[in-house]
N, C-alpha and C. Protein backbone atom coordinates (compact mmCIF):
# COMPACT_ATOMS: atom_id res chain seq x y z
N MET A 1 0.92 -0.74 -0.02
CA MET A 1 -0.58 0.03 -0.06
C MET A 1 0.84 1.19 0.03
N THR A 2 1.87 1.32 0.96
CA THR A 2 2.97 2.23 0.61
C THR A 2 3.54 2.91 0.04
N GLY A 3 3.80 1.18 -0.73
CA GLY A 3 4.33 1.69 -2.30
C GLY A 3 3.81 1.90 -3.35
N GLN A 4 2.72 1.77 -3.39
CA GLN A 4 1.97 2.27 -4.56
C GLN A 4 1.53 4.32 -4.19
N LEU A 5 1.26 4.19 -3.21
CA LEU A 5 0.88 5.69 -2.49
C LEU A 5 2.18 6.71 -3.08
N ARG A 6 3.48 5.96 -2.84
CA ARG A 6 4.70 6.64 -3.27
C ARG A 6 4.98 7.02 -4.81
N ARG A 7 4.50 5.57 -5.35
CA ARG A 7 5.00 5.86 -7.03
C ARG A 7 3.56 6.92 -7.30
N ARG A 8 2.15 6.60 -7.16
CA ARG A 8 1.65 7.97 -7.20
C ARG A 8 1.64 9.01 -7.18
N ARG A 9 2.43 9.81 -5.96
CA ARG A 9 2.89 10.75 -6.13
C ARG A 9 4.21 11.56 -6.48
N ARG A 10 4.84 10.37 -6.43
CA ARG A 10 5.64 10.40 -7.70
C ARG A 10 5.43 11.37 -9.34
N GLN A 11 3.93 9.89 -9.29
CA GLN A 11 4.02 10.48 -10.70
C GLN A 11 3.49 11.78 -10.94
N ALA A 12 2.17 12.04 -9.70
CA ALA A 12 1.84 13.31 -9.56
C ALA A 12 2.82 14.54 -9.54
N THR A 13 3.83 14.60 -8.75
CA THR A 13 4.88 15.36 -9.11
C THR A 13 5.27 15.68 -10.35
N GLN A 14 5.92 14.02 -11.40
CA GLN A 14 6.15 14.85 -12.08
C GLN A 14 5.70 15.45 -13.30
N ILE A 15 3.79 15.12 -13.15
CA ILE A 15 3.36 15.59 -14.21
C ILE A 15 3.08 17.41 -13.89
N ILE A 16 2.90 17.38 -12.42
CA ILE A 16 3.10 19.46 -11.87
C ILE A 16 4.21 19.81 -12.53
N ARG A 17 5.68 19.24 -12.36
CA ARG A 17 6.37 19.86 -13.00
C ARG A 17 6.46 19.71 -14.60
N LYS A 18 6.17 18.90 -15.39
CA LYS A 18 5.95 19.43 -16.26
C LYS A 18 5.05 20.30 -17.37
N LYS A 19 3.76 20.49 -16.58
CA LYS A 19 2.86 21.03 -16.72
C LYS A 19 3.72 22.63 -16.45
N SER A 20 4.25 23.09 -15.24
CA SER A 20 4.59 24.15 -15.04
C SER A 20 5.97 24.77 -16.27
N LEU A 21 6.62 23.57 -16.85
CA LEU A 21 7.77 23.77 -17.71
C LEU A 21 7.23 24.12 -18.99
N GLN A 22 5.96 23.21 -19.15
CA GLN A 22 5.22 23.85 -20.23
C GLN A 22 5.05 25.02 -20.46
N ASP A 23 4.13 25.66 -19.31
CA ASP A 23 3.49 26.41 -19.00
C ASP A 23 4.50 28.19 -18.85
N SER A 24 5.43 27.59 -18.46
CA SER A 24 6.59 28.73 -18.10
C SER A 24 7.62 29.40 -19.32
N PRO A 25 7.73 30.17 -19.68
CA PRO A 25 8.22 30.48 -20.81
C PRO A 25 9.73 30.52 -20.54
N VAL A 26 10.05 29.86 -22.01
CA VAL A 26 11.90 29.85 -22.03
C VAL A 26 12.65 30.80 -22.06
N ILE A 27 13.53 30.77 -20.97
CA ILE A 27 14.30 31.86 -20.48
C ILE A 27 15.97 31.39 -21.24
N SER A 28 16.35 32.37 -22.09
CA SER A 28 17.74 31.91 -22.55
C SER A 28 18.52 32.64 -22.00
N PRO A 29 19.46 31.53 -21.95
CA PRO A 29 21.13 32.17 -21.27
C PRO A 29 21.10 33.25 -20.86
N TYR A 30 20.99 34.13 -22.36
CA TYR A 30 22.01 35.04 -22.68
C TYR A 30 20.68 36.42 -23.05
N PRO A 31 21.15 37.56 -22.48
CA PRO A 31 19.93 38.57 -22.17
C PRO A 31 19.41 39.27 -23.42
N GLN A 32 18.75 39.35 -24.04
CA GLN A 32 18.46 39.72 -24.99
C GLN A 32 17.91 41.26 -24.98
N SER A 33 18.47 41.80 -25.95
CA SER A 33 17.92 43.64 -25.72
C SER A 33 16.91 44.07 -26.06
N LYS A 34 15.98 44.79 -25.57
CA LYS A 34 14.81 45.28 -25.61
C LYS A 34 14.84 46.37 -27.12
N SER A 35 16.17 47.11 -26.92
CA SER A 35 16.59 48.10 -27.96
C SER A 35 17.23 47.41 -29.74
N SER A 36 17.00 46.30 -30.07
CA SER A 36 17.45 45.85 -30.74
C SER A 36 17.25 46.47 -32.22
N GLY A 37 15.84 46.80 -32.15
CA GLY A 37 15.08 47.79 -33.52
C GLY A 37 15.88 49.23 -33.79
N GLY A 38 16.25 50.11 -32.35
CA GLY A 38 16.85 51.14 -32.34
C GLY A 38 18.47 50.71 -33.05
N TRP A 39 19.29 49.58 -32.80
CA TRP A 39 20.52 49.92 -33.10
C TRP A 39 20.46 49.78 -34.93
N ARG A 40 19.27 49.43 -35.02
CA ARG A 40 19.20 48.31 -36.60
C ARG A 40 19.39 50.15 -37.37
N LYS A 41 18.21 50.95 -36.79
CA LYS A 41 17.62 52.31 -37.31
C LYS A 41 18.82 53.21 -37.05
N LEU A 42 20.07 53.14 -36.52
CA LEU A 42 20.93 53.72 -36.13
C LEU A 42 21.93 53.23 -37.45
N ILE A 43 22.41 52.01 -37.13
CA ILE A 43 22.95 51.45 -38.55
C ILE A 43 22.61 52.31 -39.66
N LEU A 44 21.50 51.64 -39.70
CA LEU A 44 20.84 52.06 -41.29
C LEU A 44 21.13 53.76 -41.65
N LEU A 45 21.17 54.63 -40.58
CA LEU A 45 21.59 56.08 -40.41
C LEU A 45 22.89 56.22 -41.06
N PHE A 46 23.54 55.37 -40.26
CA PHE A 46 25.06 55.54 -40.99
C PHE A 46 25.32 55.55 -41.52
N ILE A 47 24.98 54.11 -42.42
CA ILE A 47 25.13 53.72 -43.91
C ILE A 47 24.92 54.80 -44.87
N THR A 48 23.35 55.61 -44.67
CA THR A 48 22.89 56.29 -45.42
C THR A 48 23.74 58.10 -45.39
N VAL A 49 24.56 57.73 -44.56
CA VAL A 49 25.03 59.30 -44.66
C VAL A 49 26.44 59.20 -44.90
N VAL A 50 27.28 57.93 -44.24
CA VAL A 50 28.37 57.64 -45.38
C VAL A 50 28.21 57.63 -46.58
N ILE A 51 27.15 57.50 -47.05
CA ILE A 51 27.02 56.89 -49.04
C ILE A 51 26.67 58.54 -49.68
N LEU A 52 25.68 59.18 -48.66
CA LEU A 52 25.77 60.67 -49.26
C LEU A 52 26.82 61.37 -49.08
N GLY A 53 28.08 61.06 -48.15
CA GLY A 53 29.13 61.97 -47.88
C GLY A 53 30.14 61.64 -48.48
N LEU A 54 30.34 60.06 -49.60
CA LEU A 54 30.89 59.81 -50.88
C LEU A 54 30.52 60.40 -51.99
N ILE A 55 29.11 60.08 -52.31
CA ILE A 55 28.67 61.36 -52.97
C ILE A 55 29.17 63.13 -53.58
N SER A 56 28.85 63.35 -51.98
CA SER A 56 29.47 64.60 -52.02
C SER A 56 31.12 64.79 -52.30
N TYR A 57 31.52 63.95 -51.71
CA TYR A 57 32.71 64.12 -52.25
C TYR A 57 33.05 63.97 -53.48
N TYR A 58 32.70 63.26 -54.15
CA TYR A 58 32.82 62.83 -55.69
C TYR A 58 32.24 63.65 -56.47
N LEU A 59 31.52 64.45 -56.26
CA LEU A 59 30.92 65.68 -56.64
C LEU A 59 31.90 66.52 -56.66
N TYR A 60 32.47 67.11 -55.55
CA TYR A 60 33.20 68.41 -55.50
C TYR A 60 34.78 67.80 -56.03
N SER A 61 35.61 66.54 -55.93
CA SER A 61 35.99 66.28 -56.83
C SER A 61 36.28 66.44 -58.36
N ILE A 62 35.44 66.34 -58.98
CA ILE A 62 34.80 66.46 -60.86
C ILE A 62 34.67 67.66 -60.72
N SER A 63 34.14 68.30 -60.23
CA SER A 63 34.33 69.91 -60.38
C SER A 63 35.52 70.87 -59.96
N PHE A 64 36.36 70.40 -58.86
CA PHE A 64 37.70 70.59 -58.54
C PHE A 64 38.57 71.05 -59.77
N PHE A 65 38.14 69.54 -60.27
CA PHE A 65 39.07 69.06 -61.21
C PHE A 65 39.03 69.63 -62.56
N ASN A 66 37.95 70.11 -62.86
CA ASN A 66 37.19 70.60 -64.16
C ASN A 66 37.93 72.15 -63.93
N GLN A 67 37.33 72.49 -62.80
CA GLN A 67 38.28 74.12 -62.76
C GLN A 67 40.15 74.24 -62.62
N ALA A 68 40.28 73.46 -62.26
CA ALA A 68 41.76 73.41 -62.14
C ALA A 68 42.32 73.33 -63.39
N SER A 69 41.76 72.06 -64.36
CA SER A 69 42.20 71.75 -65.60
C SER A 69 41.54 73.10 -66.61
N SER A 70 40.90 73.48 -66.66
CA SER A 70 40.12 74.86 -67.84
C SER A 70 41.21 75.44 -67.84
N PRO A 71 42.35 76.49 -67.08
CA PRO A 71 43.08 77.23 -68.15
C PRO A 71 44.02 76.73 -68.55
N VAL A 72 44.66 75.70 -68.58
CA VAL A 72 45.36 74.79 -69.13
C VAL A 72 44.99 74.08 -70.17
N GLN A 73 43.47 73.83 -70.73
CA GLN A 73 42.89 73.41 -71.68
C GLN A 73 42.81 74.82 -72.58
N GLN A 74 42.52 75.99 -71.94
CA GLN A 74 42.23 76.97 -72.80
C GLN A 74 43.93 77.19 -73.04
N LYS A 75 45.17 77.07 -72.66
CA LYS A 75 46.00 77.68 -72.91
C LYS A 75 46.41 76.86 -74.39
N VAL A 76 45.92 75.50 -74.50
CA VAL A 76 46.40 74.47 -75.03
C VAL A 76 45.54 74.72 -76.51
N ASN A 77 44.25 75.11 -76.46
CA ASN A 77 43.45 75.23 -77.81
C ASN A 77 43.32 76.87 -78.03
N GLU A 78 44.12 77.68 -77.56
CA GLU A 78 44.58 78.98 -77.68
C GLU A 78 45.73 78.76 -79.71
N PRO A 79 44.52 79.26 -80.31
CA PRO A 79 45.38 79.11 -82.08
C PRO A 79 46.72 79.44 -81.83
N GLN A 80 47.92 78.97 -82.71
CA GLN A 80 49.14 79.45 -82.38
C GLN A 80 49.51 80.56 -84.00
N ALA A 81 49.83 81.61 -83.17
CA ALA A 81 50.14 82.66 -84.42
C ALA A 81 50.63 82.19 -86.05
N ALA A 82 50.59 82.77 -87.30
CA ALA A 82 51.08 82.25 -88.25
C ALA A 82 52.69 82.52 -88.30
N GLY A 83 53.39 81.42 -88.31
CA GLY A 83 54.95 81.60 -88.04
C GLY A 83 55.35 82.17 -86.90
N GLN A 84 54.19 81.23 -85.52
CA GLN A 84 54.93 81.85 -84.48
C GLN A 84 55.16 80.18 -83.98
N ALA A 85 56.40 79.63 -83.15
CA ALA A 85 56.91 78.72 -83.05
C ALA A 85 56.03 78.50 -81.43
N VAL A 86 56.18 77.29 -81.33
CA VAL A 86 55.39 76.76 -80.18
C VAL A 86 56.12 77.17 -78.99
N GLY A 87 55.87 77.63 -78.26
CA GLY A 87 56.39 77.91 -76.77
C GLY A 87 56.84 78.82 -76.75
N THR A 88 56.96 80.03 -77.61
CA THR A 88 57.35 81.36 -77.37
C THR A 88 56.50 82.43 -77.52
N GLN A 89 56.43 83.38 -76.81
CA GLN A 89 55.36 84.47 -76.78
C GLN A 89 55.81 85.30 -78.14
N PRO A 90 54.43 85.78 -78.61
CA PRO A 90 54.53 86.41 -79.70
C PRO A 90 55.45 87.83 -79.79
N GLU A 91 56.05 88.48 -80.15
CA GLU A 91 56.81 89.72 -80.18
C GLU A 91 55.64 90.96 -80.79
N GLU A 92 56.25 91.82 -79.27
CA GLU A 92 55.05 93.01 -78.57
C GLU A 92 56.09 94.03 -80.07
N GLN A 93 55.01 94.43 -81.43
CA GLN A 93 55.53 96.00 -81.80
C GLN A 93 56.00 97.17 -81.23
N PRO A 94 57.10 97.37 -81.26
CA PRO A 94 57.17 98.63 -80.89
C PRO A 94 56.53 99.69 -81.57
N ALA A 95 56.20 100.58 -80.78
CA ALA A 95 54.67 101.84 -81.02
C ALA A 95 55.20 102.83 -81.78
N VAL A 96 54.83 103.38 -82.96
CA VAL A 96 55.49 104.17 -83.84
C VAL A 96 55.44 105.78 -83.47
N ILE A 97 56.13 106.10 -82.97
CA ILE A 97 55.51 107.50 -82.61
C ILE A 97 56.31 108.62 -84.02
N GLU A 98 55.18 109.45 -84.02
CA GLU A 98 55.11 110.38 -85.01
C GLU A 98 56.04 110.93 -84.77
N HIS A 99 56.88 111.42 -85.99
CA HIS A 99 57.54 112.21 -85.48
C HIS A 99 56.65 114.17 -86.31
N ARG A 100 56.84 114.99 -85.33
CA ARG A 100 56.52 116.28 -85.90
C ARG A 100 57.94 116.86 -86.75
N ILE A 101 57.52 117.68 -87.49
CA ILE A 101 58.71 118.17 -88.43
C ILE A 101 58.82 119.53 -87.71
N GLN A 102 60.02 120.17 -87.67
CA GLN A 102 60.41 120.80 -86.42
C GLN A 102 61.07 122.06 -87.70
N ILE A 103 60.32 122.87 -87.76
CA ILE A 103 60.38 124.30 -88.85
C ILE A 103 61.00 125.30 -88.40
N GLU A 104 61.54 126.20 -88.85
CA GLU A 104 62.35 127.43 -88.52
C GLU A 104 62.15 128.57 -89.80
N ILE A 105 61.26 129.41 -89.29
CA ILE A 105 61.09 129.99 -90.26
C ILE A 105 61.58 131.92 -90.50
N LEU A 106 62.21 132.06 -91.87
CA LEU A 106 62.96 133.04 -91.66
C LEU A 106 62.45 133.90 -92.48
N ASN A 107 62.89 135.05 -92.08
CA ASN A 107 61.85 136.80 -93.10
C ASN A 107 63.26 137.20 -94.00
N GLY A 108 63.13 137.21 -95.06
CA GLY A 108 63.75 137.09 -96.13
C GLY A 108 62.99 138.70 -97.02
N CYS A 109 62.26 139.33 -96.68
CA CYS A 109 61.58 139.67 -97.25
C CYS A 109 61.39 141.49 -96.78
N GLY A 110 61.48 141.66 -95.43
CA GLY A 110 61.75 142.45 -94.65
C GLY A 110 60.51 143.08 -94.23
N LYS A 111 59.22 142.53 -94.46
CA LYS A 111 57.54 142.78 -94.29
C LYS A 111 57.88 142.16 -92.70
N ASN A 112 57.32 143.37 -91.71
CA ASN A 112 57.24 142.65 -90.06
C ASN A 112 56.08 141.81 -89.51
N GLY A 113 56.00 141.05 -88.77
CA GLY A 113 55.10 140.19 -88.74
C GLY A 113 55.13 139.01 -89.57
N VAL A 114 55.91 139.03 -90.75
CA VAL A 114 55.11 138.26 -91.84
C VAL A 114 55.72 137.02 -91.01
N ALA A 115 56.42 136.44 -90.31
CA ALA A 115 57.03 135.13 -89.90
C ALA A 115 55.70 134.83 -88.82
N ARG A 116 55.73 135.70 -87.82
CA ARG A 116 54.18 134.95 -87.03
C ARG A 116 53.42 134.71 -87.84
N LEU A 117 52.82 135.72 -89.21
CA LEU A 117 51.80 135.13 -89.90
C LEU A 117 51.77 133.27 -90.51
N PHE A 118 52.81 133.51 -90.70
CA PHE A 118 53.02 131.67 -91.33
C PHE A 118 53.34 130.53 -90.19
N GLN A 119 53.80 131.29 -88.88
CA GLN A 119 54.13 130.49 -87.54
C GLN A 119 52.81 129.63 -87.32
N SER A 120 51.46 130.56 -87.04
CA SER A 120 50.46 130.17 -86.81
C SER A 120 49.61 129.22 -87.94
N TYR A 121 50.01 129.67 -89.22
CA TYR A 121 48.81 128.86 -90.11
C TYR A 121 49.65 127.47 -90.06
N LEU A 122 51.36 127.27 -90.22
CA LEU A 122 51.86 126.06 -89.99
C LEU A 122 51.93 125.58 -88.84
N ARG A 123 51.68 125.56 -87.31
CA ARG A 123 51.26 125.43 -86.68
C ARG A 123 50.07 124.41 -86.68
N ASP A 124 48.59 125.48 -87.09
CA ASP A 124 47.19 124.81 -87.25
C ASP A 124 47.76 123.48 -88.34
N GLN A 125 48.42 123.66 -89.64
CA GLN A 125 48.39 122.34 -90.11
C GLN A 125 49.72 121.19 -89.42
N GLY A 126 49.59 121.00 -88.10
CA GLY A 126 50.71 120.18 -87.40
C GLY A 126 52.08 120.20 -87.47
N PHE A 127 52.30 121.18 -87.45
CA PHE A 127 54.27 121.34 -87.79
C PHE A 127 54.39 122.21 -86.41
N ASP A 128 55.49 121.56 -85.91
CA ASP A 128 56.04 121.97 -84.92
C ASP A 128 57.27 123.47 -84.96
N VAL A 129 56.66 124.45 -85.18
CA VAL A 129 57.74 126.01 -85.71
C VAL A 129 58.20 126.30 -84.21
N VAL A 130 59.25 126.44 -84.23
CA VAL A 130 60.56 126.49 -82.88
C VAL A 130 61.07 127.70 -82.72
N ASN A 131 61.14 127.86 -84.24
CA ASN A 131 62.08 129.14 -84.40
C ASN A 131 61.87 130.28 -85.31
N THR A 132 61.48 131.27 -85.06
CA THR A 132 61.40 132.69 -86.34
C THR A 132 62.67 133.54 -86.12
N ASP A 133 62.99 133.93 -87.02
CA ASP A 133 64.40 135.14 -87.34
C ASP A 133 64.06 135.85 -88.37
N ASN A 134 65.34 136.42 -88.93
CA ASN A 134 65.40 137.18 -90.10
C ASN A 134 66.89 136.04 -91.07
N TYR A 135 66.62 136.03 -91.97
CA TYR A 135 67.27 135.22 -92.75
C TYR A 135 68.89 135.66 -93.16
N ILE A 136 69.74 135.65 -92.35
CA ILE A 136 71.35 135.96 -92.26
C ILE A 136 71.93 135.09 -93.53
N VAL A 137 72.56 136.08 -94.31
CA VAL A 137 73.91 135.08 -94.96
C VAL A 137 74.80 135.71 -94.98
N LYS A 138 75.86 134.88 -94.59
CA LYS A 138 77.65 135.33 -94.21
C LYS A 138 77.44 136.59 -93.35
N GLY A 139 76.27 136.52 -92.07
CA GLY A 139 76.61 137.75 -90.99
C GLY A 139 75.92 138.31 -91.54
N LYS A 140 74.94 138.34 -92.35
CA LYS A 140 74.29 139.70 -92.66
C LYS A 140 73.25 139.16 -92.96
N VAL A 141 72.07 140.34 -92.67
CA VAL A 141 70.50 139.74 -92.48
C VAL A 141 70.35 140.15 -94.64
N ASN A 142 69.97 139.25 -94.97
CA ASN A 142 69.24 139.19 -96.43
C ASN A 142 67.89 139.54 -96.63
N TRP A 143 67.39 140.68 -97.03
CA TRP A 143 65.85 140.51 -96.81
C TRP A 143 65.12 141.21 -98.46
N ASP A 144 66.28 140.26 -99.38
CA ASP A 144 66.06 140.73 -101.30
C ASP A 144 65.62 139.57 -101.94
N VAL A 145 65.38 138.43 -100.76
CA VAL A 145 65.10 137.11 -101.42
C VAL A 145 63.33 137.66 -102.02
N GLU A 146 63.65 137.50 -103.27
CA GLU A 146 62.60 137.26 -104.54
C GLU A 146 61.53 136.01 -104.17
N HIS A 147 62.10 134.89 -104.36
CA HIS A 147 60.65 133.74 -104.22
C HIS A 147 60.96 132.71 -102.95
N SER A 148 60.25 132.71 -102.10
CA SER A 148 60.18 131.84 -100.83
C SER A 148 60.48 130.26 -101.64
N PHE A 149 61.45 129.76 -100.45
CA PHE A 149 62.16 128.61 -100.97
C PHE A 149 62.14 127.92 -99.49
N VAL A 150 62.44 126.30 -99.62
CA VAL A 150 62.78 125.61 -98.17
C VAL A 150 63.99 125.15 -98.40
N ILE A 151 64.42 124.94 -97.21
CA ILE A 151 65.93 124.39 -97.09
C ILE A 151 65.72 123.00 -95.84
N ASP A 152 66.29 121.55 -96.73
CA ASP A 152 66.35 121.07 -96.39
C ASP A 152 67.32 120.53 -95.83
N HIS A 153 66.97 119.92 -93.95
CA HIS A 153 68.77 120.47 -93.22
C HIS A 153 68.94 118.88 -92.83
N ILE A 154 67.70 117.86 -92.93
CA ILE A 154 68.33 116.78 -92.48
C ILE A 154 68.04 115.35 -93.73
N GLY A 155 68.18 115.47 -94.88
CA GLY A 155 68.39 115.01 -96.18
C GLY A 155 67.08 114.36 -96.14
N VAL A 156 65.74 114.38 -95.49
CA VAL A 156 64.83 113.45 -95.45
C VAL A 156 63.75 114.32 -96.40
N ALA A 157 63.41 114.04 -97.94
CA ALA A 157 62.98 114.73 -99.03
C ALA A 157 61.31 114.93 -98.60
N GLU A 158 61.16 114.12 -98.25
CA GLU A 158 59.39 113.59 -97.83
C GLU A 158 59.07 114.89 -97.00
N ARG A 159 59.46 115.11 -96.25
CA ARG A 159 59.53 116.10 -95.02
C ARG A 159 59.58 117.46 -95.16
N ALA A 160 60.51 117.53 -96.30
CA ALA A 160 60.98 119.32 -97.01
C ALA A 160 59.86 119.29 -98.02
N LYS A 161 59.40 118.10 -98.76
CA LYS A 161 58.38 118.38 -99.28
C LYS A 161 56.93 118.56 -98.99
N ALA A 162 56.49 118.05 -97.80
CA ALA A 162 55.04 118.46 -96.95
C ALA A 162 55.25 119.85 -96.46
N VAL A 163 56.44 120.45 -96.13
CA VAL A 163 56.09 121.35 -95.84
C VAL A 163 55.95 122.43 -96.97
N ALA A 164 56.62 122.22 -98.05
CA ALA A 164 56.49 122.81 -99.09
C ALA A 164 55.13 123.11 -99.96
N ARG A 165 54.42 122.11 -100.00
CA ARG A 165 53.25 121.83 -100.27
C ARG A 165 52.48 122.37 -99.45
N SER A 166 52.37 122.36 -98.19
CA SER A 166 51.14 122.86 -97.23
C SER A 166 51.37 124.65 -97.60
N LEU A 167 52.85 125.34 -97.99
CA LEU A 167 52.66 126.64 -98.33
C LEU A 167 52.42 126.99 -99.90
N GLY A 168 52.10 125.88 -101.19
CA GLY A 168 52.36 126.07 -101.91
C GLY A 168 53.49 126.67 -102.65
N ILE A 169 54.74 126.06 -102.46
CA ILE A 169 55.74 126.35 -102.90
C ILE A 169 56.49 125.02 -103.45
N GLU A 170 56.99 125.87 -104.99
CA GLU A 170 57.40 124.52 -105.78
C GLU A 170 58.17 123.33 -105.68
N PRO A 171 58.48 122.13 -105.64
CA PRO A 171 59.30 121.42 -105.67
C PRO A 171 60.44 121.56 -106.10
N GLU A 172 61.02 122.73 -107.01
CA GLU A 172 62.16 123.05 -107.66
C GLU A 172 62.56 124.00 -106.13
N ARG A 173 62.35 124.40 -105.65
CA ARG A 173 62.38 125.63 -104.86
C ARG A 173 62.66 124.76 -103.23
N ILE A 174 63.58 123.75 -103.53
CA ILE A 174 63.74 122.89 -102.21
C ILE A 174 65.67 122.99 -102.31
N GLU A 175 65.85 123.54 -101.25
CA GLU A 175 67.61 122.95 -101.22
C GLU A 175 67.65 122.53 -100.35
N THR A 176 69.12 122.22 -100.61
CA THR A 176 69.56 120.59 -99.48
C THR A 176 71.04 121.11 -98.45
N SER A 177 70.61 121.48 -97.32
CA SER A 177 71.76 122.26 -96.51
C SER A 177 72.99 121.33 -96.10
N ASN A 178 74.14 121.92 -96.30
CA ASN A 178 75.09 120.96 -96.00
C ASN A 178 75.70 121.22 -94.60
N ASN A 179 74.60 121.41 -93.53
CA ASN A 179 75.26 121.60 -91.88
C ASN A 179 75.03 119.59 -91.64
N PRO A 180 76.36 119.63 -90.82
CA PRO A 180 76.21 118.26 -90.23
C PRO A 180 75.54 118.39 -88.97
N HIS A 181 75.57 119.23 -88.58
CA HIS A 181 74.59 119.41 -87.24
C HIS A 181 73.53 120.08 -87.36
N PRO A 182 72.16 119.72 -87.94
CA PRO A 182 71.25 120.75 -88.07
C PRO A 182 70.71 120.67 -86.64
N ILE A 183 69.98 121.88 -86.24
CA ILE A 183 69.21 122.10 -85.47
C ILE A 183 67.69 121.70 -85.53
N TYR A 184 67.09 121.86 -87.10
CA TYR A 184 65.66 122.23 -87.50
C TYR A 184 65.61 121.09 -88.67
N ASP A 185 64.50 120.76 -88.61
CA ASP A 185 64.12 119.45 -90.28
C ASP A 185 64.26 120.36 -91.09
N VAL A 186 63.68 121.61 -91.29
CA VAL A 186 63.58 122.54 -92.59
C VAL A 186 63.18 123.78 -92.52
N SER A 187 63.82 124.62 -92.59
CA SER A 187 63.43 125.97 -92.96
C SER A 187 62.87 126.77 -93.94
N ILE A 188 62.19 127.75 -93.66
CA ILE A 188 61.52 128.32 -94.40
C ILE A 188 61.91 129.41 -94.71
N VAL A 189 62.48 130.37 -96.13
CA VAL A 189 63.06 131.48 -96.11
C VAL A 189 62.19 131.93 -97.02
N VAL A 190 61.05 133.42 -96.09
CA VAL A 190 60.28 133.62 -97.12
C VAL A 190 60.37 134.51 -97.33
N GLY A 191 60.07 134.99 -99.11
CA GLY A 191 60.39 135.94 -99.86
C GLY A 191 59.18 137.09 -100.00
N LYS A 192 59.62 137.78 -101.01
CA LYS A 192 58.97 139.21 -101.65
C LYS A 192 57.27 138.56 -101.93
N ASP A 193 57.49 137.21 -102.27
CA ASP A 193 56.28 136.65 -103.06
C ASP A 193 55.69 136.14 -101.46
N TYR A 194 55.36 136.89 -100.85
CA TYR A 194 54.75 135.56 -99.45
C TYR A 194 53.40 136.07 -99.51
N LYS A 195 52.79 137.02 -100.42
CA LYS A 195 51.25 137.37 -100.86
C LYS A 195 50.40 135.95 -101.53
N ARG A 196 51.15 135.04 -102.58
CA ARG A 196 50.77 134.02 -102.91
C ARG A 196 51.22 132.74 -102.55
N LEU A 197 51.86 132.49 -101.23
CA LEU A 197 51.68 131.37 -99.97
C LEU A 197 50.60 131.26 -99.18
N LYS A 198 49.92 130.22 -99.15
CA LYS A 198 49.03 129.99 -98.35
C LYS A 198 49.32 130.07 -96.80
N THR A 199 48.14 131.06 -96.27
CA THR A 199 48.07 131.01 -95.45
C THR A 199 46.81 130.92 -94.13
N LYS A 200 46.11 130.06 -95.38
CA LYS A 200 45.02 129.63 -94.39
C LYS A 200 44.38 128.39 -95.25
């Protein structure tokens, strides 16, 4: 009798334990984090930020490279001047300085104020009148010049012709001076025919 009771108690105890084990939740030996979903969100956010940063750096590096290489490309694409060697700078053309013809007016007719009359006219024509005086030959004043003429002191016929043409003096009345150290380009000797010369 006693043995049967003991068996029944054991069986009842085992049945109770089995039920309790079935009803109780399984406890994992490793603690589970309640915030596992939050970590996943943080990891996704970090990966997104890294990807955006890489894209931004790539776009910036492309734009910087284009800006850095554009002056070089422009120099390479510049057309070479005709006859210019590669890698050489074009030679600068010297500035052309216009020379104003320097004129001396000499009174060879004795009429007062005649030199000043032609002085104003020639300056208006663009000549540089630097001196007016009497016409002197061998240390003496000569007021007996019948026909006005031009003296070329520097051997540049075009300048003497330009002065003669501006006054209406014939080219045949251009003389050449033998002075090795001339002060003026051209001298004008105004004769007694001054009234037929141009003054306007």
